[in-house]
Amino acid sequence: MSDERYNGWENYETWNVNLWLSNDEGIYFQVQAVVEAVDKDTDQPQAILADRIQEFVENCVLPDLGASMASDLLTHALGRVNWDEIARAFLEK
């Protein structure tokens, strides 16, 4: 088993999604609104936020590629993203 860590993140896909969510000003402010909408007093705010960030990316950020090779590859890459790790990073900001 190889170590897939990338720049301190679980893998390249997680690092890349976090990079775009954190460095594109418009997207960053939208994600911050998602973060602020999560009740931090719930049992598992990180898990809830991870689901909401994933939903945001899939529904609001990605283009509709229809049925295509590009869509299949993008779906596969997003399946490798550790959404919990991204949520934890946003909760710590």
PDB file of N, CA and C in Angstrom:
ATOM      1  N   MET A   1       0.851  -1.184   0.000  1.00  0.00           N
ATOM      2  CA  MET A   1       0.000   0.000   0.000  1.00  0.00           C
ATOM      3  C   MET A   1       0.891   1.241   0.000  1.00  0.00           C
ATOM      4  N   SER A   2       0.661   2.125  -0.946  1.00  0.00           N
ATOM      5  CA  SER A   2       1.478   3.335  -1.022  1.00  0.00           C
ATOM      6  C   SER A   2       0.842   4.472  -0.232  1.00  0.00           C
ATOM      7  N   ASP A   3       1.700   5.387   0.179  1.00  0.00           N
ATOM      8  CA  ASP A   3       1.224   6.568   0.893  1.00  0.00           C
ATOM      9  C   ASP A   3       0.787   7.589  -0.148  1.00  0.00           C
ATOM     10  N   GLU A   4      -0.501   7.904  -0.176  1.00  0.00           N
ATOM     11  CA  GLU A   4      -1.037   8.817  -1.174  1.00  0.00           C
ATOM     12  C   GLU A   4      -1.117  10.261  -0.678  1.00  0.00           C
ATOM     13  N   ARG A   5      -0.661  10.551   0.510  1.00  0.00           N
ATOM     14  CA  ARG A   5      -0.795  11.906   1.049  1.00  0.00           C
ATOM     15  C   ARG A   5      -0.228  12.918   0.068  1.00  0.00           C
ATOM     16  N   TYR A   6      -0.863  14.086   0.036  1.00  0.00           N
ATOM     17  CA  TYR A   6      -0.443  15.126  -0.894  1.00  0.00           C
ATOM     18  C   TYR A   6      -0.500  16.470  -0.191  1.00  0.00           C
ATOM     19  N   ASN A   7       0.636  17.114  -0.040  1.00  0.00           N
ATOM     20  CA  ASN A   7       0.731  18.424   0.624  1.00  0.00           C
ATOM     21  C   ASN A   7      -0.001  18.450   1.964  1.00  0.00           C
ATOM     22  N   GLY A   8       0.103  17.362   2.710  1.00  0.00           N
ATOM     23  CA  GLY A   8      -0.506  17.291   4.033  1.00  0.00           C
ATOM     24  C   GLY A   8      -1.954  16.821   4.040  1.00  0.00           C
ATOM     25  N   TRP A   9      -2.527  16.572   2.877  1.00  0.00           N
ATOM     26  CA  TRP A   9      -3.916  16.124   2.758  1.00  0.00           C
ATOM     27  C   TRP A   9      -3.941  14.645   2.413  1.00  0.00           C
ATOM     28  N   GLU A  10      -5.094  14.012   2.598  1.00  0.00           N
ATOM     29  CA  GLU A  10      -5.204  12.564   2.380  1.00  0.00           C
ATOM     30  C   GLU A  10      -4.761  12.149   0.979  1.00  0.00           C
ATOM     31  N   ASN A  11      -5.104  12.928  -0.023  1.00  0.00           N
ATOM     32  CA  ASN A  11      -4.730  12.610  -1.400  1.00  0.00           C
ATOM     33  C   ASN A  11      -4.832  13.874  -2.257  1.00  0.00           C
ATOM     34  N   TYR A  12      -4.435  13.754  -3.505  1.00  0.00           N
ATOM     35  CA  TYR A  12      -4.455  14.898  -4.411  1.00  0.00           C
ATOM     36  C   TYR A  12      -5.864  15.459  -4.591  1.00  0.00           C
ATOM     37  N   GLU A  13      -6.836  14.585  -4.726  1.00  0.00           N
ATOM     38  CA  GLU A  13      -8.205  15.035  -4.966  1.00  0.00           C
ATOM     39  C   GLU A  13      -8.725  15.901  -3.819  1.00  0.00           C
ATOM     40  N   THR A  14      -8.459  15.478  -2.589  1.00  0.00           N
ATOM     41  CA  THR A  14      -8.902  16.250  -1.418  1.00  0.00           C
ATOM     42  C   THR A  14      -8.174  17.585  -1.372  1.00  0.00           C
ATOM     43  N   TRP A  15      -6.865  17.566  -1.597  1.00  0.00           N
ATOM     44  CA  TRP A  15      -6.087  18.801  -1.609  1.00  0.00           C
ATOM     45  C   TRP A  15      -6.609  19.758  -2.666  1.00  0.00           C
ATOM     46  N   ASN A  16      -6.879  19.252  -3.874  1.00  0.00           N
ATOM     47  CA  ASN A  16      -7.310  20.102  -4.980  1.00  0.00           C
ATOM     48  C   ASN A  16      -8.672  20.731  -4.729  1.00  0.00           C
ATOM     49  N   VAL A  17      -9.628  19.948  -4.228  1.00  0.00           N
ATOM     50  CA  VAL A  17     -10.953  20.501  -3.931  1.00  0.00           C
ATOM     51  C   VAL A  17     -10.830  21.568  -2.852  1.00  0.00           C
ATOM     52  N   ASN A  18     -10.079  21.288  -1.790  1.00  0.00           N
ATOM     53  CA  ASN A  18      -9.900  22.282  -0.734  1.00  0.00           C
ATOM     54  C   ASN A  18      -9.224  23.541  -1.272  1.00  0.00           C
ATOM     55  N   LEU A  19      -8.233  23.372  -2.139  1.00  0.00           N
ATOM     56  CA  LEU A  19      -7.544  24.516  -2.735  1.00  0.00           C
ATOM     57  C   LEU A  19      -8.536  25.438  -3.440  1.00  0.00           C
ATOM     58  N   TRP A  20      -9.402  24.863  -4.258  1.00  0.00           N
ATOM     59  CA  TRP A  20     -10.371  25.672  -5.000  1.00  0.00           C
ATOM     60  C   TRP A  20     -11.420  26.272  -4.074  1.00  0.00           C
ATOM     61  N   LEU A  21     -11.867  25.515  -3.087  1.00  0.00           N
ATOM     62  CA  LEU A  21     -12.877  26.045  -2.156  1.00  0.00           C
ATOM     63  C   LEU A  21     -12.304  27.181  -1.308  1.00  0.00           C
ATOM     64  N   SER A  22     -11.025  27.137  -1.046  1.00  0.00           N
ATOM     65  CA  SER A  22     -10.391  28.128  -0.174  1.00  0.00           C
ATOM     66  C   SER A  22      -9.827  29.333  -0.921  1.00  0.00           C
ATOM     67  N   ASN A  23      -9.506  29.181  -2.204  1.00  0.00           N
ATOM     68  CA  ASN A  23      -8.784  30.229  -2.909  1.00  0.00           C
ATOM     69  C   ASN A  23      -9.578  30.968  -3.975  1.00  0.00           C
ATOM     70  N   ASP A  24     -10.734  30.474  -4.336  1.00  0.00           N
ATOM     71  CA  ASP A  24     -11.600  31.224  -5.250  1.00  0.00           C
ATOM     72  C   ASP A  24     -12.531  32.053  -4.372  1.00  0.00           C
ATOM     73  N   GLU A  25     -12.394  33.367  -4.425  1.00  0.00           N
ATOM     74  CA  GLU A  25     -13.101  34.240  -3.481  1.00  0.00           C
ATOM     75  C   GLU A  25     -14.611  34.017  -3.466  1.00  0.00           C
ATOM     76  N   GLY A  26     -15.227  33.931  -4.625  1.00  0.00           N
ATOM     77  CA  GLY A  26     -16.673  33.736  -4.686  1.00  0.00           C
ATOM     78  C   GLY A  26     -17.104  32.412  -4.076  1.00  0.00           C
ATOM     79  N   ILE A  27     -16.391  31.352  -4.445  1.00  0.00           N
ATOM     80  CA  ILE A  27     -16.709  30.029  -3.901  1.00  0.00           C
ATOM     81  C   ILE A  27     -16.434  30.000  -2.399  1.00  0.00           C
ATOM     82  N   TYR A  28     -15.331  30.611  -1.974  1.00  0.00           N
ATOM     83  CA  TYR A  28     -14.983  30.632  -0.550  1.00  0.00           C
ATOM     84  C   TYR A  28     -16.116  31.239   0.285  1.00  0.00           C
ATOM     85  N   PHE A  29     -16.637  32.373  -0.158  1.00  0.00           N
ATOM     86  CA  PHE A  29     -17.716  33.014   0.598  1.00  0.00           C
ATOM     87  C   PHE A  29     -18.983  32.166   0.602  1.00  0.00           C
ATOM     88  N   GLN A  30     -19.240  31.449  -0.481  1.00  0.00           N
ATOM     89  CA  GLN A  30     -20.389  30.549  -0.507  1.00  0.00           C
ATOM     90  C   GLN A  30     -20.195  29.385   0.463  1.00  0.00           C
ATOM     91  N   VAL A  31     -19.002  28.847   0.515  1.00  0.00           N
ATOM     92  CA  VAL A  31     -18.719  27.753   1.457  1.00  0.00           C
ATOM     93  C   VAL A  31     -18.801  28.267   2.889  1.00  0.00           C
ATOM     94  N   GLN A  32     -18.300  29.472   3.133  1.00  0.00           N
ATOM     95  CA  GLN A  32     -18.396  30.050   4.476  1.00  0.00           C
ATOM     96  C   GLN A  32     -19.863  30.184   4.903  1.00  0.00           C
ATOM     97  N   ALA A  33     -20.746  30.511   3.987  1.00  0.00           N
ATOM     98  CA  ALA A  33     -22.171  30.585   4.307  1.00  0.00           C
ATOM     99  C   ALA A  33     -22.697  29.201   4.675  1.00  0.00           C
ATOM    100  N   VAL A  34     -22.227  28.176   3.993  1.00  0.00           N
ATOM    101  CA  VAL A  34     -22.610  26.797   4.327  1.00  0.00           C
ATOM    102  C   VAL A  34     -22.096  26.457   5.722  1.00  0.00           C
ATOM    103  N   VAL A  35     -20.859  26.827   6.024  1.00  0.00           N
ATOM    104  CA  VAL A  35     -20.257  26.561   7.341  1.00  0.00           C
ATOM    105  C   VAL A  35     -21.063  27.253   8.433  1.00  0.00           C
ATOM    106  N   GLU A  36     -21.396  28.513   8.218  1.00  0.00           N
ATOM    107  CA  GLU A  36     -22.128  29.282   9.234  1.00  0.00           C
ATOM    108  C   GLU A  36     -23.540  28.754   9.456  1.00  0.00           C
ATOM    109  N   ALA A  37     -24.107  28.088   8.465  1.00  0.00           N
ATOM    110  CA  ALA A  37     -25.470  27.561   8.590  1.00  0.00           C
ATOM    111  C   ALA A  37     -25.524  26.265   9.400  1.00  0.00           C
ATOM    112  N   VAL A  38     -24.371  25.655   9.640  1.00  0.00           N
ATOM    113  CA  VAL A  38     -24.338  24.398  10.403  1.00  0.00           C
ATOM    114  C   VAL A  38     -24.365  24.713  11.892  1.00  0.00           C
ATOM    115  N   ASP A  39     -25.246  24.058  12.605  1.00  0.00           N
ATOM    116  CA  ASP A  39     -25.346  24.225  14.059  1.00  0.00           C
ATOM    117  C   ASP A  39     -24.165  23.508  14.708  1.00  0.00           C
ATOM    118  N   LYS A  40     -23.242  24.271  15.265  1.00  0.00           N
ATOM    119  CA  LYS A  40     -22.023  23.695  15.871  1.00  0.00           C
ATOM    120  C   LYS A  40     -22.317  22.936  17.161  1.00  0.00           C
ATOM    121  N   ASP A  41     -23.539  23.075  17.692  1.00  0.00           N
ATOM    122  CA  ASP A  41     -23.900  22.402  18.936  1.00  0.00           C
ATOM    123  C   ASP A  41     -24.528  21.030  18.702  1.00  0.00           C
ATOM    124  N   THR A  42     -24.623  20.595  17.448  1.00  0.00           N
ATOM    125  CA  THR A  42     -25.160  19.260  17.179  1.00  0.00           C
ATOM    126  C   THR A  42     -24.111  18.217  17.541  1.00  0.00           C
ATOM    127  N   ASP A  43     -24.518  16.960  17.536  1.00  0.00           N
ATOM    128  CA  ASP A  43     -23.607  15.875  17.906  1.00  0.00           C
ATOM    129  C   ASP A  43     -22.417  15.751  16.965  1.00  0.00           C
ATOM    130  N   GLN A  44     -22.644  15.920  15.680  1.00  0.00           N
ATOM    131  CA  GLN A  44     -21.565  15.719  14.712  1.00  0.00           C
ATOM    132  C   GLN A  44     -21.554  16.832  13.665  1.00  0.00           C
ATOM    133  N   PRO A  45     -21.174  18.044  14.059  1.00  0.00           N
ATOM    134  CA  PRO A  45     -21.193  19.143  13.086  1.00  0.00           C
ATOM    135  C   PRO A  45     -20.258  18.906  11.903  1.00  0.00           C
ATOM    136  N   GLN A  46     -19.131  18.239  12.133  1.00  0.00           N
ATOM    137  CA  GLN A  46     -18.188  17.992  11.045  1.00  0.00           C
ATOM    138  C   GLN A  46     -18.793  17.087   9.985  1.00  0.00           C
ATOM    139  N   ALA A  47     -19.483  16.038  10.394  1.00  0.00           N
ATOM    140  CA  ALA A  47     -20.109  15.119   9.436  1.00  0.00           C
ATOM    141  C   ALA A  47     -21.215  15.818   8.652  1.00  0.00           C
ATOM    142  N   ILE A  48     -21.991  16.633   9.348  1.00  0.00           N
ATOM    143  CA  ILE A  48     -23.064  17.386   8.683  1.00  0.00           C
ATOM    144  C   ILE A  48     -22.457  18.359   7.682  1.00  0.00           C
ATOM    145  N   LEU A  49     -21.413  19.077   8.090  1.00  0.00           N
ATOM    146  CA  LEU A  49     -20.769  20.029   7.197  1.00  0.00           C
ATOM    147  C   LEU A  49     -20.140  19.321   6.006  1.00  0.00           C
ATOM    148  N   ALA A  50     -19.520  18.178   6.234  1.00  0.00           N
ATOM    149  CA  ALA A  50     -18.916  17.422   5.123  1.00  0.00           C
ATOM    150  C   ALA A  50     -19.969  17.094   4.068  1.00  0.00           C
ATOM    151  N   ASP A  51     -21.134  16.633   4.503  1.00  0.00           N
ATOM    152  CA  ASP A  51     -22.214  16.318   3.563  1.00  0.00           C
ATOM    153  C   ASP A  51     -22.680  17.560   2.819  1.00  0.00           C
ATOM    154  N   ARG A  52     -22.780  18.675   3.516  1.00  0.00           N
ATOM    155  CA  ARG A  52     -23.261  19.915   2.881  1.00  0.00           C
ATOM    156  C   ARG A  52     -22.237  20.504   1.909  1.00  0.00           C
ATOM    157  N   ILE A  53     -20.963  20.398   2.242  1.00  0.00           N
ATOM    158  CA  ILE A  53     -19.940  20.884   1.314  1.00  0.00           C
ATOM    159  C   ILE A  53     -19.916  20.017   0.063  1.00  0.00           C
ATOM    160  N   GLN A  54     -20.003  18.709   0.245  1.00  0.00           N
ATOM    161  CA  GLN A  54     -20.035  17.809  -0.908  1.00  0.00           C
ATOM    162  C   GLN A  54     -21.242  18.131  -1.791  1.00  0.00           C
ATOM    163  N   GLU A  55     -22.390  18.314  -1.181  1.00  0.00           N
ATOM    164  CA  GLU A  55     -23.601  18.655  -1.925  1.00  0.00           C
ATOM    165  C   GLU A  55     -23.425  19.982  -2.665  1.00  0.00           C
ATOM    166  N   PHE A  56     -22.847  20.969  -2.005  1.00  0.00           N
ATOM    167  CA  PHE A  56     -22.598  22.268  -2.630  1.00  0.00           C
ATOM    168  C   PHE A  56     -21.713  22.108  -3.866  1.00  0.00           C
ATOM    169  N   VAL A  57     -20.617  21.376  -3.714  1.00  0.00           N
ATOM    170  CA  VAL A  57     -19.694  21.190  -4.840  1.00  0.00           C
ATOM    171  C   VAL A  57     -20.403  20.481  -5.988  1.00  0.00           C
ATOM    172  N   GLU A  58     -21.095  19.399  -5.686  1.00  0.00           N
ATOM    173  CA  GLU A  58     -21.730  18.614  -6.743  1.00  0.00           C
ATOM    174  C   GLU A  58     -22.871  19.358  -7.429  1.00  0.00           C
ATOM    175  N   ASN A  59     -23.604  20.188  -6.692  1.00  0.00           N
ATOM    176  CA  ASN A  59     -24.785  20.843  -7.267  1.00  0.00           C
ATOM    177  C   ASN A  59     -24.547  22.271  -7.742  1.00  0.00           C
ATOM    178  N   CYS A  60     -23.563  22.957  -7.182  1.00  0.00           N
ATOM    179  CA  CYS A  60     -23.398  24.384  -7.485  1.00  0.00           C
ATOM    180  C   CYS A  60     -22.093  24.732  -8.187  1.00  0.00           C
ATOM    181  N   VAL A  61     -21.082  23.925  -8.045  1.00  0.00           N
ATOM    182  CA  VAL A  61     -19.776  24.282  -8.591  1.00  0.00           C
ATOM    183  C   VAL A  61     -19.499  23.555  -9.913  1.00  0.00           C
ATOM    184  N   LEU A  62     -19.892  22.308  -9.994  1.00  0.00           N
ATOM    185  CA  LEU A  62     -19.544  21.506 -11.168  1.00  0.00           C
ATOM    186  C   LEU A  62     -20.443  21.802 -12.363  1.00  0.00           C
ATOM    187  N   PRO A  63     -19.857  21.763 -13.551  1.00  0.00           N
ATOM    188  CA  PRO A  63     -20.679  21.935 -14.748  1.00  0.00           C
ATOM    189  C   PRO A  63     -21.441  20.651 -15.048  1.00  0.00           C
ATOM    190  N   ASP A  64     -22.513  20.773 -15.780  1.00  0.00           N
ATOM    191  CA  ASP A  64     -23.255  19.595 -16.225  1.00  0.00           C
ATOM    192  C   ASP A  64     -22.573  19.066 -17.475  1.00  0.00           C
ATOM    193  N   LEU A  65     -21.897  17.962 -17.353  1.00  0.00           N
ATOM    194  CA  LEU A  65     -21.156  17.387 -18.471  1.00  0.00           C
ATOM    195  C   LEU A  65     -21.964  16.329 -19.212  1.00  0.00           C
ATOM    196  N   GLY A  66     -23.177  16.059 -18.720  1.00  0.00           N
ATOM    197  CA  GLY A  66     -23.977  15.018 -19.339  1.00  0.00           C
ATOM    198  C   GLY A  66     -23.281  13.675 -19.204  1.00  0.00           C
ATOM    199  N   ALA A  67     -23.728  12.718 -19.974  1.00  0.00           N
ATOM    200  CA  ALA A  67     -23.100  11.395 -19.984  1.00  0.00           C
ATOM    201  C   ALA A  67     -21.880  11.472 -20.887  1.00  0.00           C
ATOM    202  N   SER A  68     -20.699  11.399 -20.265  1.00  0.00           N
ATOM    203  CA  SER A  68     -19.468  11.531 -21.047  1.00  0.00           C
ATOM    204  C   SER A  68     -18.292  10.933 -20.280  1.00  0.00           C
ATOM    205  N   MET A  69     -17.213  10.758 -20.989  1.00  0.00           N
ATOM    206  CA  MET A  69     -16.006  10.275 -20.339  1.00  0.00           C
ATOM    207  C   MET A  69     -15.538  11.282 -19.287  1.00  0.00           C
ATOM    208  N   ALA A  70     -15.625  12.568 -19.603  1.00  0.00           N
ATOM    209  CA  ALA A  70     -15.212  13.603 -18.647  1.00  0.00           C
ATOM    210  C   ALA A  70     -16.049  13.522 -17.374  1.00  0.00           C
ATOM    211  N   SER A  71     -17.339  13.318 -17.516  1.00  0.00           N
ATOM    212  CA  SER A  71     -18.223  13.188 -16.358  1.00  0.00           C
ATOM    213  C   SER A  71     -17.849  11.975 -15.514  1.00  0.00           C
ATOM    214  N   ASP A  72     -17.575  10.857 -16.176  1.00  0.00           N
ATOM    215  CA  ASP A  72     -17.185   9.645 -15.450  1.00  0.00           C
ATOM    216  C   ASP A  72     -15.886   9.848 -14.684  1.00  0.00           C
ATOM    217  N   LEU A  73     -14.907  10.486 -15.307  1.00  0.00           N
ATOM    218  CA  LEU A  73     -13.626  10.726 -14.631  1.00  0.00           C
ATOM    219  C   LEU A  73     -13.778  11.694 -13.471  1.00  0.00           C
ATOM    220  N   LEU A  74     -14.576  12.731 -13.667  1.00  0.00           N
ATOM    221  CA  LEU A  74     -14.811  13.701 -12.599  1.00  0.00           C
ATOM    222  C   LEU A  74     -15.529  13.048 -11.424  1.00  0.00           C
ATOM    223  N   THR A  75     -16.524  12.235 -11.709  1.00  0.00           N
ATOM    224  CA  THR A  75     -17.254  11.535 -10.656  1.00  0.00           C
ATOM    225  C   THR A  75     -16.327  10.611  -9.870  1.00  0.00           C
ATOM    226  N   HIS A  76     -15.446   9.930 -10.572  1.00  0.00           N
ATOM    227  CA  HIS A  76     -14.488   9.040  -9.907  1.00  0.00           C
ATOM    228  C   HIS A  76     -13.556   9.847  -8.995  1.00  0.00           C
ATOM    229  N   ALA A  77     -13.030  10.953  -9.501  1.00  0.00           N
ATOM    230  CA  ALA A  77     -12.119  11.778  -8.706  1.00  0.00           C
ATOM    231  C   ALA A  77     -12.819  12.322  -7.462  1.00  0.00           C
ATOM    232  N   LEU A  78     -14.049  12.787  -7.611  1.00  0.00           N
ATOM    233  CA  LEU A  78     -14.780  13.319  -6.451  1.00  0.00           C
ATOM    234  C   LEU A  78     -15.097  12.228  -5.435  1.00  0.00           C
ATOM    235  N   GLY A  79     -15.203  11.002  -5.893  1.00  0.00           N
ATOM    236  CA  GLY A  79     -15.424   9.881  -4.990  1.00  0.00           C
ATOM    237  C   GLY A  79     -14.229   9.614  -4.088  1.00  0.00           C
ATOM    238  N   ARG A  80     -13.085  10.123  -4.450  1.00  0.00           N
ATOM    239  CA  ARG A  80     -11.868   9.942  -3.648  1.00  0.00           C
ATOM    240  C   ARG A  80     -11.640  11.077  -2.653  1.00  0.00           C
ATOM    241  N   VAL A  81     -12.442  12.130  -2.734  1.00  0.00           N
ATOM    242  CA  VAL A  81     -12.277  13.289  -1.842  1.00  0.00           C
ATOM    243  C   VAL A  81     -12.680  12.922  -0.423  1.00  0.00           C
ATOM    244  N   ASN A  82     -11.867  13.311   0.539  1.00  0.00           N
ATOM    245  CA  ASN A  82     -12.196  13.124   1.951  1.00  0.00           C
ATOM    246  C   ASN A  82     -12.918  14.395   2.410  1.00  0.00           C
ATOM    247  N   TRP A  83     -14.234  14.375   2.321  1.00  0.00           N
ATOM    248  CA  TRP A  83     -15.050  15.542   2.643  1.00  0.00           C
ATOM    249  C   TRP A  83     -14.951  15.890   4.121  1.00  0.00           C
ATOM    250  N   ASP A  84     -14.767  14.895   4.981  1.00  0.00           N
ATOM    251  CA  ASP A  84     -14.604  15.151   6.422  1.00  0.00           C
ATOM    252  C   ASP A  84     -13.348  15.974   6.687  1.00  0.00           C
ATOM    253  N   GLU A  85     -12.286  15.682   5.972  1.00  0.00           N
ATOM    254  CA  GLU A  85     -11.044  16.427   6.165  1.00  0.00           C
ATOM    255  C   GLU A  85     -11.222  17.892   5.747  1.00  0.00           C
ATOM    256  N   ILE A  86     -11.941  18.111   4.666  1.00  0.00           N
ATOM    257  CA  ILE A  86     -12.214  19.479   4.212  1.00  0.00           C
ATOM    258  C   ILE A  86     -13.106  20.196   5.223  1.00  0.00           C
ATOM    259  N   ALA A  87     -14.138  19.512   5.708  1.00  0.00           N
ATOM    260  CA  ALA A  87     -15.034  20.114   6.702  1.00  0.00           C
ATOM    261  C   ALA A  87     -14.263  20.490   7.962  1.00  0.00           C
ATOM    262  N   ARG A  88     -13.393  19.612   8.420  1.00  0.00           N
ATOM    263  CA  ARG A  88     -12.595  19.885   9.618  1.00  0.00           C
ATOM    264  C   ARG A  88     -11.742  21.141   9.409  1.00  0.00           C
ATOM    265  N   ALA A  89     -11.150  21.275   8.227  1.00  0.00           N
ATOM    266  CA  ALA A  89     -10.319  22.440   7.940  1.00  0.00           C
ATOM    267  C   ALA A  89     -11.148  23.722   7.972  1.00  0.00           C
ATOM    268  N   PHE A  90     -12.363  23.677   7.441  1.00  0.00           N
ATOM    269  CA  PHE A  90     -13.204  24.879   7.464  1.00  0.00           C
ATOM    270  C   PHE A  90     -13.705  25.188   8.861  1.00  0.00           C
ATOM    271  N   LEU A  91     -13.959  24.191   9.678  1.00  0.00           N
ATOM    272  CA  LEU A  91     -14.395  24.424  11.059  1.00  0.00           C
ATOM    273  C   LEU A  91     -13.270  25.023  11.895  1.00  0.00           C
ATOM    274  N   GLU A  92     -12.025  24.739  11.531  1.00  0.00           N
ATOM    275  CA  GLU A  92     -10.887  25.252  12.286  1.00  0.00           C
ATOM    276  C   GLU A  92     -10.506  26.672  11.896  1.00  0.00           C
ATOM    277  N   LYS A  93     -11.065  27.179  10.800  1.00  0.00           N
ATOM    278  CA  LYS A  93     -10.713  28.543  10.339  1.00  0.00           C
ATOM    279  C   LYS A  93     -11.355  29.584  11.213  1.00  0.00           C
TER     280      LYS A  93
END
